[in-house]
Amino acid sequence: MYPAEIVLPMKQELVDAGFEDLTTPEAVDTVVNNEEAVLIVINSVCGCAAGNARPAAKIAAQHEKAPKLTTVFAGFDKEAVEQARKYMLPYPPSSPSMALFKNGKLVHMIERHNIEGSQAMIIADNLTGAFETHL
């Protein structure tokens, strides 16, 4: 588990951009099963989260068809992350990562290997393309 003083500013970056911070398995269940469409960003302390994933998520959040925006933090909100990853199967655990759900079903996934070495704008375009396709 990472110390709160390291994690909280990274969590706040997405919260300030309109993302709901999910900290319990029950909160994850509620948004996946009760929202028509929801994006879950698995946030992380790694460099690709800071340089690519969080900036991309914030850009995509501005899209006119953006779904409900949520986030969980790997290495900090362990149970919430584990619950989110159950919904992301058959994809292996990956952080950072981003998953779009519609009516409780996973419809689009961006794994860490799609984030590492990519530019935030390319990742954001991937997300907004998924919003256009599925929402």
N, C-alpha and C. Protein backbone atom coordinates (compact mmCIF):
# COMPACT_ATOMS: atom_id res chain seq x y z
N MET A 1 0.84 -1.19 0.00
CA MET A 1 0.00 0.00 0.00
C MET A 1 0.88 1.25 0.00
N TYR A 2 0.51 2.18 -0.83
CA TYR A 2 1.24 3.44 -0.90
C TYR A 2 0.76 4.39 0.21
N PRO A 3 1.63 5.25 0.70
CA PRO A 3 1.23 6.20 1.73
C PRO A 3 0.26 7.26 1.18
N ALA A 4 -0.67 7.65 2.03
CA ALA A 4 -1.70 8.62 1.64
C ALA A 4 -1.10 9.92 1.12
N GLU A 5 -0.01 10.39 1.71
CA GLU A 5 0.56 11.67 1.29
C GLU A 5 1.07 11.63 -0.15
N ILE A 6 1.37 10.45 -0.66
CA ILE A 6 1.76 10.31 -2.06
C ILE A 6 0.53 10.18 -2.95
N VAL A 7 -0.41 9.38 -2.53
CA VAL A 7 -1.56 9.03 -3.35
C VAL A 7 -2.61 10.13 -3.44
N LEU A 8 -2.92 10.78 -2.35
CA LEU A 8 -4.05 11.72 -2.33
C LEU A 8 -3.96 12.82 -3.39
N PRO A 9 -2.80 13.45 -3.63
CA PRO A 9 -2.77 14.45 -4.69
C PRO A 9 -3.04 13.86 -6.09
N MET A 10 -2.63 12.61 -6.31
CA MET A 10 -2.87 11.96 -7.59
C MET A 10 -4.35 11.60 -7.75
N LYS A 11 -4.99 11.22 -6.65
CA LYS A 11 -6.43 10.96 -6.68
C LYS A 11 -7.17 12.26 -6.95
N GLN A 12 -6.74 13.32 -6.27
CA GLN A 12 -7.42 14.61 -6.36
C GLN A 12 -7.39 15.17 -7.77
N GLU A 13 -6.33 14.86 -8.51
CA GLU A 13 -6.22 15.36 -9.89
C GLU A 13 -7.42 14.94 -10.72
N LEU A 14 -7.84 13.69 -10.59
CA LEU A 14 -9.02 13.24 -11.34
C LEU A 14 -10.32 13.71 -10.70
N VAL A 15 -10.38 13.74 -9.39
CA VAL A 15 -11.58 14.23 -8.71
C VAL A 15 -11.85 15.68 -9.13
N ASP A 16 -10.80 16.49 -9.19
CA ASP A 16 -10.96 17.89 -9.61
C ASP A 16 -11.45 18.00 -11.05
N ALA A 17 -11.23 16.97 -11.84
CA ALA A 17 -11.68 16.95 -13.23
C ALA A 17 -13.08 16.35 -13.39
N GLY A 18 -13.73 16.02 -12.27
CA GLY A 18 -15.11 15.53 -12.32
C GLY A 18 -15.28 14.04 -12.13
N PHE A 19 -14.21 13.33 -11.77
CA PHE A 19 -14.29 11.90 -11.54
C PHE A 19 -14.71 11.61 -10.11
N GLU A 20 -15.59 10.64 -9.94
CA GLU A 20 -15.98 10.18 -8.60
C GLU A 20 -14.96 9.15 -8.12
N ASP A 21 -14.43 9.35 -6.94
CA ASP A 21 -13.45 8.45 -6.35
C ASP A 21 -14.18 7.30 -5.68
N LEU A 22 -14.01 6.10 -6.21
CA LEU A 22 -14.66 4.91 -5.66
C LEU A 22 -13.68 4.22 -4.71
N THR A 23 -14.06 4.05 -3.47
CA THR A 23 -13.13 3.51 -2.48
C THR A 23 -13.57 2.19 -1.89
N THR A 24 -14.73 1.69 -2.28
CA THR A 24 -15.23 0.43 -1.74
C THR A 24 -15.74 -0.47 -2.87
N PRO A 25 -15.75 -1.78 -2.65
CA PRO A 25 -16.33 -2.68 -3.65
C PRO A 25 -17.80 -2.34 -3.93
N GLU A 26 -18.52 -1.95 -2.90
CA GLU A 26 -19.94 -1.63 -3.06
C GLU A 26 -20.13 -0.42 -3.98
N ALA A 27 -19.26 0.56 -3.86
CA ALA A 27 -19.35 1.73 -4.73
C ALA A 27 -19.10 1.34 -6.19
N VAL A 28 -18.15 0.44 -6.41
CA VAL A 28 -17.88 -0.05 -7.77
C VAL A 28 -19.10 -0.79 -8.31
N ASP A 29 -19.66 -1.69 -7.50
CA ASP A 29 -20.86 -2.43 -7.92
C ASP A 29 -21.99 -1.48 -8.30
N THR A 30 -22.19 -0.47 -7.50
CA THR A 30 -23.28 0.48 -7.74
C THR A 30 -23.13 1.18 -9.07
N VAL A 31 -21.94 1.70 -9.38
CA VAL A 31 -21.81 2.44 -10.64
C VAL A 31 -21.84 1.53 -11.85
N VAL A 32 -21.23 0.35 -11.75
CA VAL A 32 -21.23 -0.54 -12.92
C VAL A 32 -22.63 -1.06 -13.19
N ASN A 33 -23.35 -1.41 -12.16
CA ASN A 33 -24.65 -2.05 -12.33
C ASN A 33 -25.83 -1.09 -12.41
N ASN A 34 -25.65 0.16 -12.00
CA ASN A 34 -26.78 1.09 -11.95
C ASN A 34 -26.66 2.27 -12.89
N GLU A 35 -25.57 2.39 -13.59
CA GLU A 35 -25.39 3.50 -14.52
C GLU A 35 -25.52 2.97 -15.94
N GLU A 36 -26.12 3.76 -16.80
CA GLU A 36 -26.22 3.34 -18.19
C GLU A 36 -24.82 3.21 -18.80
N ALA A 37 -23.96 4.18 -18.51
CA ALA A 37 -22.58 4.14 -19.02
C ALA A 37 -21.65 4.74 -17.97
N VAL A 38 -20.51 4.08 -17.78
CA VAL A 38 -19.55 4.56 -16.79
C VAL A 38 -18.14 4.23 -17.26
N LEU A 39 -17.23 5.16 -17.03
CA LEU A 39 -15.81 4.95 -17.28
C LEU A 39 -15.14 4.78 -15.92
N ILE A 40 -14.37 3.71 -15.78
CA ILE A 40 -13.57 3.51 -14.57
C ILE A 40 -12.11 3.61 -14.97
N VAL A 41 -11.41 4.55 -14.36
CA VAL A 41 -9.97 4.70 -14.57
C VAL A 41 -9.28 4.09 -13.36
N ILE A 42 -8.45 3.08 -13.59
CA ILE A 42 -7.61 2.57 -12.51
C ILE A 42 -6.36 3.44 -12.51
N ASN A 43 -6.29 4.29 -11.52
CA ASN A 43 -5.22 5.26 -11.36
C ASN A 43 -4.02 4.58 -10.69
N SER A 44 -2.85 5.19 -10.81
CA SER A 44 -1.63 4.57 -10.30
C SER A 44 -0.59 5.64 -10.02
N VAL A 45 0.44 5.26 -9.26
CA VAL A 45 1.54 6.18 -8.97
C VAL A 45 2.60 6.17 -10.07
N CYS A 46 2.52 5.29 -11.02
CA CYS A 46 3.58 5.15 -12.03
C CYS A 46 3.65 6.37 -12.95
N GLY A 47 4.77 6.49 -13.61
CA GLY A 47 4.99 7.62 -14.50
C GLY A 47 4.02 7.67 -15.67
N CYS A 48 3.62 6.51 -16.19
CA CYS A 48 2.70 6.55 -17.33
C CYS A 48 1.29 6.99 -16.89
N ALA A 49 0.97 6.84 -15.62
CA ALA A 49 -0.30 7.38 -15.13
C ALA A 49 -0.23 8.90 -15.09
N ALA A 50 0.89 9.41 -14.58
CA ALA A 50 1.05 10.87 -14.46
C ALA A 50 1.19 11.54 -15.82
N GLY A 51 1.98 10.93 -16.71
CA GLY A 51 2.27 11.57 -17.98
C GLY A 51 1.26 11.31 -19.07
N ASN A 52 0.55 10.17 -18.98
CA ASN A 52 -0.33 9.78 -20.08
C ASN A 52 -1.78 9.52 -19.65
N ALA A 53 -1.98 8.66 -18.66
CA ALA A 53 -3.34 8.21 -18.32
C ALA A 53 -4.20 9.32 -17.73
N ARG A 54 -3.71 9.98 -16.68
CA ARG A 54 -4.54 11.04 -16.07
C ARG A 54 -4.78 12.19 -17.04
N PRO A 55 -3.76 12.67 -17.75
CA PRO A 55 -4.05 13.74 -18.73
C PRO A 55 -5.05 13.29 -19.81
N ALA A 56 -4.93 12.07 -20.29
CA ALA A 56 -5.86 11.57 -21.30
C ALA A 56 -7.28 11.48 -20.75
N ALA A 57 -7.42 10.98 -19.54
CA ALA A 57 -8.74 10.88 -18.92
C ALA A 57 -9.38 12.25 -18.76
N LYS A 58 -8.59 13.23 -18.36
CA LYS A 58 -9.11 14.59 -18.18
C LYS A 58 -9.53 15.20 -19.51
N ILE A 59 -8.78 14.95 -20.58
CA ILE A 59 -9.16 15.45 -21.90
C ILE A 59 -10.47 14.79 -22.35
N ALA A 60 -10.53 13.46 -22.23
CA ALA A 60 -11.73 12.73 -22.66
C ALA A 60 -12.96 13.12 -21.85
N ALA A 61 -12.76 13.49 -20.59
CA ALA A 61 -13.88 13.88 -19.73
C ALA A 61 -14.62 15.10 -20.27
N GLN A 62 -13.97 15.88 -21.11
CA GLN A 62 -14.58 17.09 -21.67
C GLN A 62 -15.47 16.79 -22.88
N HIS A 63 -15.45 15.55 -23.37
CA HIS A 63 -16.21 15.18 -24.56
C HIS A 63 -17.71 15.28 -24.28
N GLU A 64 -18.45 15.71 -25.28
CA GLU A 64 -19.89 15.90 -25.10
C GLU A 64 -20.64 14.60 -24.76
N LYS A 65 -20.09 13.45 -25.15
CA LYS A 65 -20.75 12.18 -24.86
C LYS A 65 -20.08 11.43 -23.71
N ALA A 66 -19.33 12.12 -22.89
CA ALA A 66 -18.64 11.45 -21.78
C ALA A 66 -19.67 10.79 -20.85
N PRO A 67 -19.36 9.57 -20.42
CA PRO A 67 -20.23 8.86 -19.47
C PRO A 67 -19.99 9.36 -18.05
N LYS A 68 -20.60 8.70 -17.10
CA LYS A 68 -20.26 8.95 -15.70
C LYS A 68 -18.77 8.62 -15.55
N LEU A 69 -18.04 9.47 -14.88
CA LEU A 69 -16.59 9.34 -14.74
C LEU A 69 -16.24 8.90 -13.32
N THR A 70 -15.49 7.80 -13.21
CA THR A 70 -15.12 7.29 -11.89
C THR A 70 -13.67 6.83 -11.92
N THR A 71 -13.11 6.65 -10.72
CA THR A 71 -11.74 6.20 -10.60
C THR A 71 -11.53 5.39 -9.34
N VAL A 72 -10.61 4.46 -9.40
CA VAL A 72 -10.12 3.70 -8.24
C VAL A 72 -8.60 3.80 -8.28
N PHE A 73 -7.94 3.62 -7.14
CA PHE A 73 -6.49 3.80 -7.10
C PHE A 73 -5.79 2.51 -6.70
N ALA A 74 -4.99 1.98 -7.64
CA ALA A 74 -4.23 0.76 -7.40
C ALA A 74 -3.18 0.99 -6.32
N GLY A 75 -3.05 0.01 -5.43
CA GLY A 75 -2.08 0.11 -4.36
C GLY A 75 -2.53 0.97 -3.20
N PHE A 76 -3.81 1.36 -3.22
CA PHE A 76 -4.33 2.19 -2.13
C PHE A 76 -5.74 1.75 -1.74
N ASP A 77 -6.65 1.75 -2.69
CA ASP A 77 -8.02 1.29 -2.44
C ASP A 77 -8.15 -0.15 -2.94
N LYS A 78 -7.45 -1.04 -2.25
CA LYS A 78 -7.26 -2.42 -2.71
C LYS A 78 -8.56 -3.14 -3.05
N GLU A 79 -9.52 -3.13 -2.15
CA GLU A 79 -10.75 -3.88 -2.37
C GLU A 79 -11.56 -3.29 -3.53
N ALA A 80 -11.59 -1.97 -3.65
CA ALA A 80 -12.32 -1.35 -4.76
C ALA A 80 -11.67 -1.70 -6.09
N VAL A 81 -10.34 -1.70 -6.13
CA VAL A 81 -9.63 -2.05 -7.36
C VAL A 81 -9.89 -3.51 -7.72
N GLU A 82 -9.83 -4.39 -6.73
CA GLU A 82 -10.09 -5.81 -6.99
C GLU A 82 -11.49 -6.01 -7.56
N GLN A 83 -12.46 -5.28 -7.03
CA GLN A 83 -13.83 -5.40 -7.52
C GLN A 83 -13.93 -4.88 -8.95
N ALA A 84 -13.31 -3.75 -9.23
CA ALA A 84 -13.34 -3.20 -10.59
C ALA A 84 -12.71 -4.19 -11.57
N ARG A 85 -11.61 -4.79 -11.16
CA ARG A 85 -10.91 -5.74 -12.05
C ARG A 85 -11.75 -6.98 -12.34
N LYS A 86 -12.63 -7.37 -11.43
CA LYS A 86 -13.53 -8.50 -11.70
C LYS A 86 -14.42 -8.19 -12.89
N TYR A 87 -14.88 -6.95 -12.97
CA TYR A 87 -15.73 -6.55 -14.09
C TYR A 87 -14.94 -6.44 -15.39
N MET A 88 -13.63 -6.28 -15.28
CA MET A 88 -12.78 -6.10 -16.46
C MET A 88 -12.27 -7.41 -17.06
N LEU A 89 -12.62 -8.53 -16.46
CA LEU A 89 -12.22 -9.81 -17.02
C LEU A 89 -12.81 -9.98 -18.41
N PRO A 90 -12.11 -10.56 -19.34
CA PRO A 90 -10.95 -11.43 -19.21
C PRO A 90 -9.61 -10.70 -19.27
N TYR A 91 -9.63 -9.37 -19.25
CA TYR A 91 -8.37 -8.63 -19.29
C TYR A 91 -7.61 -8.84 -17.98
N PRO A 92 -6.31 -9.02 -18.06
CA PRO A 92 -5.52 -9.21 -16.83
C PRO A 92 -5.40 -7.89 -16.06
N PRO A 93 -5.09 -7.98 -14.76
CA PRO A 93 -4.90 -6.77 -13.97
C PRO A 93 -3.87 -5.85 -14.62
N SER A 94 -4.19 -4.58 -14.67
CA SER A 94 -3.35 -3.60 -15.35
C SER A 94 -3.58 -2.23 -14.72
N SER A 95 -2.50 -1.58 -14.36
CA SER A 95 -2.65 -0.21 -13.86
C SER A 95 -1.48 0.62 -14.33
N PRO A 96 -1.81 1.78 -14.88
CA PRO A 96 -3.16 2.30 -15.05
C PRO A 96 -3.89 1.57 -16.18
N SER A 97 -5.19 1.72 -16.16
CA SER A 97 -6.03 1.21 -17.23
C SER A 97 -7.36 1.95 -17.20
N MET A 98 -8.14 1.78 -18.25
CA MET A 98 -9.42 2.47 -18.36
C MET A 98 -10.43 1.52 -18.97
N ALA A 99 -11.61 1.47 -18.38
CA ALA A 99 -12.65 0.57 -18.86
C ALA A 99 -13.97 1.31 -18.98
N LEU A 100 -14.61 1.13 -20.12
CA LEU A 100 -15.92 1.72 -20.37
C LEU A 100 -16.97 0.63 -20.28
N PHE A 101 -17.98 0.88 -19.47
CA PHE A 101 -19.09 -0.06 -19.29
C PHE A 101 -20.38 0.59 -19.76
N LYS A 102 -21.22 -0.21 -20.36
CA LYS A 102 -22.56 0.24 -20.73
C LYS A 102 -23.54 -0.82 -20.28
N ASN A 103 -24.52 -0.41 -19.50
CA ASN A 103 -25.52 -1.32 -18.97
C ASN A 103 -24.89 -2.53 -18.28
N GLY A 104 -23.82 -2.29 -17.53
CA GLY A 104 -23.17 -3.34 -16.75
C GLY A 104 -22.21 -4.23 -17.52
N LYS A 105 -22.01 -3.94 -18.80
CA LYS A 105 -21.13 -4.77 -19.62
C LYS A 105 -19.92 -3.98 -20.08
N LEU A 106 -18.76 -4.62 -20.04
CA LEU A 106 -17.53 -4.01 -20.52
C LEU A 106 -17.60 -3.90 -22.04
N VAL A 107 -17.47 -2.66 -22.56
CA VAL A 107 -17.54 -2.46 -24.00
C VAL A 107 -16.24 -1.94 -24.60
N HIS A 108 -15.32 -1.45 -23.77
CA HIS A 108 -14.05 -0.92 -24.28
C HIS A 108 -13.02 -0.94 -23.15
N MET A 109 -11.80 -1.35 -23.50
CA MET A 109 -10.73 -1.46 -22.49
C MET A 109 -9.45 -0.88 -23.05
N ILE A 110 -8.79 -0.09 -22.23
CA ILE A 110 -7.45 0.41 -22.54
C ILE A 110 -6.54 -0.08 -21.43
N GLU A 111 -5.60 -0.96 -21.79
CA GLU A 111 -4.69 -1.54 -20.82
C GLU A 111 -3.41 -0.71 -20.72
N ARG A 112 -2.63 -1.03 -19.70
CA ARG A 112 -1.37 -0.32 -19.48
C ARG A 112 -0.49 -0.32 -20.72
N HIS A 113 -0.41 -1.45 -21.42
CA HIS A 113 0.47 -1.49 -22.59
C HIS A 113 -0.02 -0.57 -23.70
N ASN A 114 -1.30 -0.15 -23.67
CA ASN A 114 -1.82 0.83 -24.62
C ASN A 114 -1.52 2.26 -24.16
N ILE A 115 -1.14 2.40 -22.89
CA ILE A 115 -0.90 3.71 -22.29
C ILE A 115 0.59 4.05 -22.28
N GLU A 116 1.40 3.06 -21.89
CA GLU A 116 2.85 3.27 -21.83
C GLU A 116 3.39 3.68 -23.19
N GLY A 117 4.18 4.72 -23.21
CA GLY A 117 4.82 5.15 -24.45
C GLY A 117 3.90 5.84 -25.44
N SER A 118 2.64 5.98 -25.10
CA SER A 118 1.69 6.67 -25.97
C SER A 118 1.55 8.12 -25.52
N GLN A 119 0.97 8.93 -26.33
CA GLN A 119 0.72 10.32 -25.96
C GLN A 119 -0.69 10.45 -25.41
N ALA A 120 -0.86 11.38 -24.48
CA ALA A 120 -2.16 11.57 -23.84
C ALA A 120 -3.26 11.84 -24.86
N MET A 121 -2.96 12.61 -25.89
CA MET A 121 -3.99 12.95 -26.87
C MET A 121 -4.43 11.71 -27.66
N ILE A 122 -3.52 10.81 -27.95
CA ILE A 122 -3.87 9.58 -28.66
C ILE A 122 -4.77 8.70 -27.79
N ILE A 123 -4.44 8.61 -26.50
CA ILE A 123 -5.27 7.84 -25.57
C ILE A 123 -6.65 8.49 -25.44
N ALA A 124 -6.68 9.81 -25.33
CA ALA A 124 -7.95 10.53 -25.22
C ALA A 124 -8.79 10.30 -26.47
N ASP A 125 -8.16 10.31 -27.64
CA ASP A 125 -8.89 10.05 -28.89
C ASP A 125 -9.47 8.63 -28.89
N ASN A 126 -8.71 7.68 -28.35
CA ASN A 126 -9.20 6.30 -28.23
C ASN A 126 -10.46 6.28 -27.36
N LEU A 127 -10.40 6.96 -26.23
CA LEU A 127 -11.56 7.00 -25.32
C LEU A 127 -12.76 7.69 -25.97
N THR A 128 -12.53 8.85 -26.56
CA THR A 128 -13.67 9.57 -27.13
C THR A 128 -14.25 8.81 -28.32
N GLY A 129 -13.41 8.09 -29.04
CA GLY A 129 -13.93 7.22 -30.10
C GLY A 129 -14.85 6.15 -29.54
N ALA A 130 -14.46 5.60 -28.39
CA ALA A 130 -15.30 4.60 -27.72
C ALA A 130 -16.60 5.23 -27.24
N PHE A 131 -16.54 6.46 -26.74
CA PHE A 131 -17.76 7.14 -26.32
C PHE A 131 -18.70 7.30 -27.52
N GLU A 132 -18.14 7.71 -28.66
CA GLU A 132 -18.95 7.90 -29.86
C GLU A 132 -19.57 6.58 -30.32
N THR A 133 -18.83 5.51 -30.22
CA THR A 133 -19.29 4.19 -30.68
C THR A 133 -20.36 3.60 -29.77
N HIS A 134 -20.14 3.71 -28.47
CA HIS A 134 -20.95 2.94 -27.53
C HIS A 134 -22.01 3.75 -26.76
N LEU A 135 -21.94 5.06 -26.80
CA LEU A 135 -22.89 5.85 -25.99
C LEU A 135 -23.90 6.58 -26.83
